[in-house]
């Protein structure tokens, strides 16, 4: 309110109640303001007390949810680490088995190649010996043949 409005209200109150009742009215008005402020403070206090329990409950629920989420996250992380470790072990085991199998196949192939090579060499020597024998036989037959 502006100063002029307050002045008009004071003039109207003076006219209605008179100057001698003005101090009584001011005391009553001041008492009414005090009572109103006290009631407002009581309401604020009651509101704060009732909402403090709600805030406490809300904080408790929030902390409980936070702790449960943290615990679930830790459990999931632990499970993921376990599964990851199991997979790594399985992959290492399969890899080692493949390595062993490849080495075994390689050794078997090398043995087979050596055996085939040895057989071929023996066959070549045998054929060579047979050819040499046949040459010798033909040569002997040629020498033993009468000349006409």
C-alpha atoms as a PDB file:
ATOM      1  CA  UNK A   1       0.000   0.000   0.000  1.00  0.00           C
ATOM      2  CA  UNK A   2       1.080   3.505  -0.668  1.00  0.00           C
ATOM      3  CA  UNK A   3       1.371   6.294   1.878  1.00  0.00           C
ATOM      4  CA  UNK A   4      -1.815   8.007   0.649  1.00  0.00           C
ATOM      5  CA  UNK A   5      -3.903   4.865   1.100  1.00  0.00           C
ATOM      6  CA  UNK A   6      -2.642   4.428   4.653  1.00  0.00           C
ATOM      7  CA  UNK A   7      -3.466   8.089   5.409  1.00  0.00           C
ATOM      8  CA  UNK A   8      -7.015   7.667   4.083  1.00  0.00           C
ATOM      9  CA  UNK A   9      -7.496   4.533   6.237  1.00  0.00           C
ATOM     10  CA  UNK A  10      -6.287   6.403   9.366  1.00  0.00           C
ATOM     11  CA  UNK A  11      -8.664   9.329   8.663  1.00  0.00           C
ATOM     12  CA  UNK A  12     -11.621   6.922   8.206  1.00  0.00           C
ATOM     13  CA  UNK A  13     -10.771   5.104  11.469  1.00  0.00           C
ATOM     14  CA  UNK A  14     -10.548   8.443  13.344  1.00  0.00           C
ATOM     15  CA  UNK A  15     -13.900   9.510  12.013  1.00  0.00           C
ATOM     16  CA  UNK A  16     -15.580   6.202  12.803  1.00  0.00           C
ATOM     17  CA  UNK A  17     -14.151   5.512  16.252  1.00  0.00           C
ATOM     18  CA  UNK A  18     -12.868   8.858  17.469  1.00  0.00           C
ATOM     19  CA  UNK A  19      -9.452   9.924  18.754  1.00  0.00           C
ATOM     20  CA  UNK A  20      -9.935   8.582  22.304  1.00  0.00           C
ATOM     21  CA  UNK A  21     -10.580   5.005  21.061  1.00  0.00           C
ATOM     22  CA  UNK A  22      -7.629   5.017  18.687  1.00  0.00           C
ATOM     23  CA  UNK A  23      -5.050   3.783  21.295  1.00  0.00           C
ATOM     24  CA  UNK A  24      -7.374   0.902  22.235  1.00  0.00           C
ATOM     25  CA  UNK A  25      -7.861  -0.003  18.602  1.00  0.00           C
ATOM     26  CA  UNK A  26      -4.096   0.167  17.984  1.00  0.00           C
ATOM     27  CA  UNK A  27      -3.478  -2.167  20.972  1.00  0.00           C
ATOM     28  CA  UNK A  28      -6.160  -4.568  19.739  1.00  0.00           C
ATOM     29  CA  UNK A  29      -4.788  -4.410  16.230  1.00  0.00           C
ATOM     30  CA  UNK A  30      -1.233  -5.016  17.505  1.00  0.00           C
ATOM     31  CA  UNK A  31      -2.472  -7.934  19.652  1.00  0.00           C
ATOM     32  CA  UNK A  32      -4.286  -9.357  16.609  1.00  0.00           C
ATOM     33  CA  UNK A  33      -1.095  -9.058  14.529  1.00  0.00           C
ATOM     34  CA  UNK A  34       0.930 -10.775  17.328  1.00  0.00           C
ATOM     35  CA  UNK A  35      -1.629 -13.583  17.567  1.00  0.00           C
ATOM     36  CA  UNK A  36      -1.663 -13.917  13.798  1.00  0.00           C
ATOM     37  CA  UNK A  37       2.158 -14.094  13.690  1.00  0.00           C
ATOM     38  CA  UNK A  38       2.188 -16.618  16.553  1.00  0.00           C
ATOM     39  CA  UNK A  39      -0.401 -18.746  14.762  1.00  0.00           C
ATOM     40  CA  UNK A  40       1.592 -18.469  11.528  1.00  0.00           C
ATOM     41  CA  UNK A  41       4.802 -19.467  13.377  1.00  0.00           C
ATOM     42  CA  UNK A  42       2.970 -22.399  14.999  1.00  0.00           C
ATOM     43  CA  UNK A  43       1.705 -23.536  11.613  1.00  0.00           C
ATOM     44  CA  UNK A  44       5.200 -23.221  10.144  1.00  0.00           C
ATOM     45  CA  UNK A  45       6.661 -25.166  13.090  1.00  0.00           C
ATOM     46  CA  UNK A  46       3.998 -27.892  12.762  1.00  0.00           C
ATOM     47  CA  UNK A  47       4.586 -28.041   9.009  1.00  0.00           C
ATOM     48  CA  UNK A  48       8.365 -28.316   9.526  1.00  0.00           C
ATOM     49  CA  UNK A  49       7.928 -31.054  12.137  1.00  0.00           C
ATOM     50  CA  UNK A  50       5.555 -33.079   9.997  1.00  0.00           C
ATOM     51  CA  UNK A  51       7.623 -32.658   6.845  1.00  0.00           C
ATOM     52  CA  UNK A  52      10.855 -33.421   8.698  1.00  0.00           C
ATOM     53  CA  UNK A  53       9.539 -36.938   9.317  1.00  0.00           C
ATOM     54  CA  UNK A  54       8.575 -37.190   5.665  1.00  0.00           C
ATOM     55  CA  UNK A  55      11.979 -35.886   4.626  1.00  0.00           C
ATOM     56  CA  UNK A  56      13.669 -38.361   6.989  1.00  0.00           C
ATOM     57  CA  UNK A  57      11.562 -41.209   5.582  1.00  0.00           C
ATOM     58  CA  UNK A  58      12.298 -40.057   2.042  1.00  0.00           C
ATOM     59  CA  UNK A  59      16.032 -39.881   2.809  1.00  0.00           C
ATOM     60  CA  UNK A  60      15.898 -43.351   4.395  1.00  0.00           C
ATOM     61  CA  UNK A  61      14.128 -44.776   1.326  1.00  0.00           C
ATOM     62  CA  UNK A  62      16.567 -43.000  -0.984  1.00  0.00           C
ATOM     63  CA  UNK A  63      19.568 -44.355   0.947  1.00  0.00           C
ATOM     64  CA  UNK A  64      18.077 -47.853   1.009  1.00  0.00           C
ATOM     65  CA  UNK A  65      17.474 -47.789  -2.755  1.00  0.00           C
ATOM     66  CA  UNK A  66      20.952 -46.379  -3.331  1.00  0.00           C
ATOM     67  CA  UNK A  67      22.531 -49.114  -1.193  1.00  0.00           C
ATOM     68  CA  UNK A  68      20.510 -51.836  -2.928  1.00  0.00           C
ATOM     69  CA  UNK A  69      21.438 -50.510  -6.368  1.00  0.00           C
ATOM     70  CA  UNK A  70      25.094 -50.344  -5.339  1.00  0.00           C
ATOM     71  CA  UNK A  71      24.942 -53.902  -3.993  1.00  0.00           C
ATOM     72  CA  UNK A  72      23.235 -55.148  -7.163  1.00  0.00           C
ATOM     73  CA  UNK A  73      25.833 -53.376  -9.273  1.00  0.00           C
ATOM     74  CA  UNK A  74      28.653 -54.969  -7.290  1.00  0.00           C
ATOM     75  CA  UNK A  75      27.012 -58.407  -7.614  1.00  0.00           C
ATOM     76  CA  UNK A  76      26.582 -57.961 -11.357  1.00  0.00           C
ATOM     77  CA  UNK A  77      30.188 -56.819 -11.708  1.00  0.00           C
ATOM     78  CA  UNK A  78      31.364 -59.816  -9.672  1.00  0.00           C
ATOM     79  CA  UNK A  79      29.277 -62.177 -11.829  1.00  0.00           C
ATOM     80  CA  UNK A  80      30.587 -60.588 -15.034  1.00  0.00           C
ATOM     81  CA  UNK A  81      34.154 -60.969 -13.796  1.00  0.00           C
ATOM     82  CA  UNK A  82      33.516 -64.625 -12.907  1.00  0.00           C
ATOM     83  CA  UNK A  83      31.966 -65.389 -16.292  1.00  0.00           C
ATOM     84  CA  UNK A  84      34.747 -63.511 -18.057  1.00  0.00           C
ATOM     85  CA  UNK A  85      37.387 -65.489 -16.169  1.00  0.00           C
ATOM     86  CA  UNK A  86      35.603 -68.780 -16.937  1.00  0.00           C
ATOM     87  CA  UNK A  87      35.402 -67.886 -20.632  1.00  0.00           C
ATOM     88  CA  UNK A  88      39.078 -66.921 -20.669  1.00  0.00           C
ATOM     89  CA  UNK A  89      40.019 -70.247 -19.052  1.00  0.00           C
ATOM     90  CA  UNK A  90      37.853 -72.171 -21.531  1.00  0.00           C
ATOM     91  CA  UNK A  91      39.372 -70.310 -24.485  1.00  0.00           C
ATOM     92  CA  UNK A  92      42.885 -70.977 -23.157  1.00  0.00           C
ATOM     93  CA  UNK A  93      42.071 -74.656 -22.709  1.00  0.00           C
ATOM     94  CA  UNK A  94      40.587 -74.990 -26.212  1.00  0.00           C
ATOM     95  CA  UNK A  95      43.529 -73.087 -27.658  1.00  0.00           C
ATOM     96  CA  UNK A  96      45.995 -75.404 -25.918  1.00  0.00           C
ATOM     97  CA  UNK A  97      44.107 -78.479 -27.135  1.00  0.00           C
ATOM     98  CA  UNK A  98      44.153 -77.155 -30.700  1.00  0.00           C
ATOM     99  CA  UNK A  99      47.892 -76.474 -30.407  1.00  0.00           C
ATOM    100  CA  UNK A 100      48.499 -80.031 -29.212  1.00  0.00           C
ATOM    101  CA  UNK A 101      46.337 -81.484 -31.985  1.00  0.00           C
ATOM    102  CA  UNK A 102      48.099 -79.399 -34.646  1.00  0.00           C
ATOM    103  CA  UNK A 103      51.510 -80.501 -33.342  1.00  0.00           C
ATOM    104  CA  UNK A 104      50.392 -84.130 -33.335  1.00  0.00           C
ATOM    105  CA  UNK A 105      49.032 -83.892 -36.894  1.00  0.00           C
ATOM    106  CA  UNK A 106      52.222 -82.140 -38.001  1.00  0.00           C
ATOM    107  CA  UNK A 107      54.379 -84.869 -36.474  1.00  0.00           C
ATOM    108  CA  UNK A 108      52.244 -87.569 -38.094  1.00  0.00           C
ATOM    109  CA  UNK A 109      52.473 -85.866 -41.489  1.00  0.00           C
ATOM    110  CA  UNK A 110      56.244 -85.544 -41.106  1.00  0.00           C
ATOM    111  CA  UNK A 111      56.518 -89.240 -40.212  1.00  0.00           C
ATOM    112  CA  UNK A 112      54.348 -90.174 -43.189  1.00  0.00           C
ATOM    113  CA  UNK A 113      56.417 -87.978 -45.522  1.00  0.00           C
ATOM    114  CA  UNK A 114      59.642 -89.532 -44.227  1.00  0.00           C
ATOM    115  CA  UNK A 115      58.203 -93.018 -44.633  1.00  0.00           C
ATOM    116  CA  UNK A 116      56.979 -92.306 -48.178  1.00  0.00           C
ATOM    117  CA  UNK A 117      60.316 -90.725 -49.037  1.00  0.00           C
ATOM    118  CA  UNK A 118      62.166 -93.748 -47.676  1.00  0.00           C
ATOM    119  CA  UNK A 119      59.872 -96.125 -49.592  1.00  0.00           C
ATOM    120  CA  UNK A 120      60.375 -94.172 -52.810  1.00  0.00           C
ATOM    121  CA  UNK A 121      64.122 -94.205 -52.297  1.00  0.00           C
ATOM    122  CA  UNK A 122      64.059 -97.953 -51.652  1.00  0.00           C
ATOM    123  CA  UNK A 123      61.893 -98.494 -54.741  1.00  0.00           C
ATOM    124  CA  UNK A 124      64.216 -96.337 -56.842  1.00  0.00           C
ATOM    125  CA  UNK A 125      67.226 -98.283 -55.589  1.00  0.00           C
ATOM    126  CA  UNK A 126      65.456-101.542 -56.289  1.00  0.00           C
ATOM    127  CA  UNK A 127      64.525-100.421 -59.802  1.00  0.00           C
ATOM    128  CA  UNK A 128      68.073 -99.195 -60.302  1.00  0.00           C
ATOM    129  CA  UNK A 129      69.450-102.531 -59.107  1.00  0.00           C
ATOM    130  CA  UNK A 130      67.021-104.383 -61.373  1.00  0.00           C
ATOM    131  CA  UNK A 131      68.010-102.234 -64.359  1.00  0.00           C
ATOM    132  CA  UNK A 132      71.657-102.780 -63.582  1.00  0.00           C
ATOM    133  CA  UNK A 133      71.044-106.501 -63.291  1.00  0.00           C
ATOM    134  CA  UNK A 134      69.124-106.512 -66.586  1.00  0.00           C
ATOM    135  CA  UNK A 135      71.964-104.591 -68.244  1.00  0.00           C
ATOM    136  CA  UNK A 136      74.439-107.041 -66.866  1.00  0.00           C
ATOM    137  CA  UNK A 137      72.298-109.971 -68.044  1.00  0.00           C
ATOM    138  CA  UNK A 138      71.940-108.483 -71.519  1.00  0.00           C
ATOM    139  CA  UNK A 139      75.631-107.794 -71.633  1.00  0.00           C
ATOM    140  CA  UNK A 140      76.399-111.341 -70.526  1.00  0.00           C
ATOM    141  CA  UNK A 141      73.967-112.722 -73.090  1.00  0.00           C
ATOM    142  CA  UNK A 142      75.582-110.635 -75.759  1.00  0.00           C
ATOM    143  CA  UNK A 143      79.031-111.848 -74.845  1.00  0.00           C
ATOM    144  CA  UNK A 144      77.966-115.428 -74.680  1.00  0.00           C
ATOM    145  CA  UNK A 145      76.219-115.379 -77.960  1.00  0.00           C
ATOM    146  CA  UNK A 146      78.120-117.001 -80.810  1.00  0.00           C
ATOM    147  CA  UNK A 147      79.278-114.769 -83.522  1.00  0.00           C
ATOM    148  CA  UNK A 148      78.060-115.798 -86.873  1.00  0.00           C
END
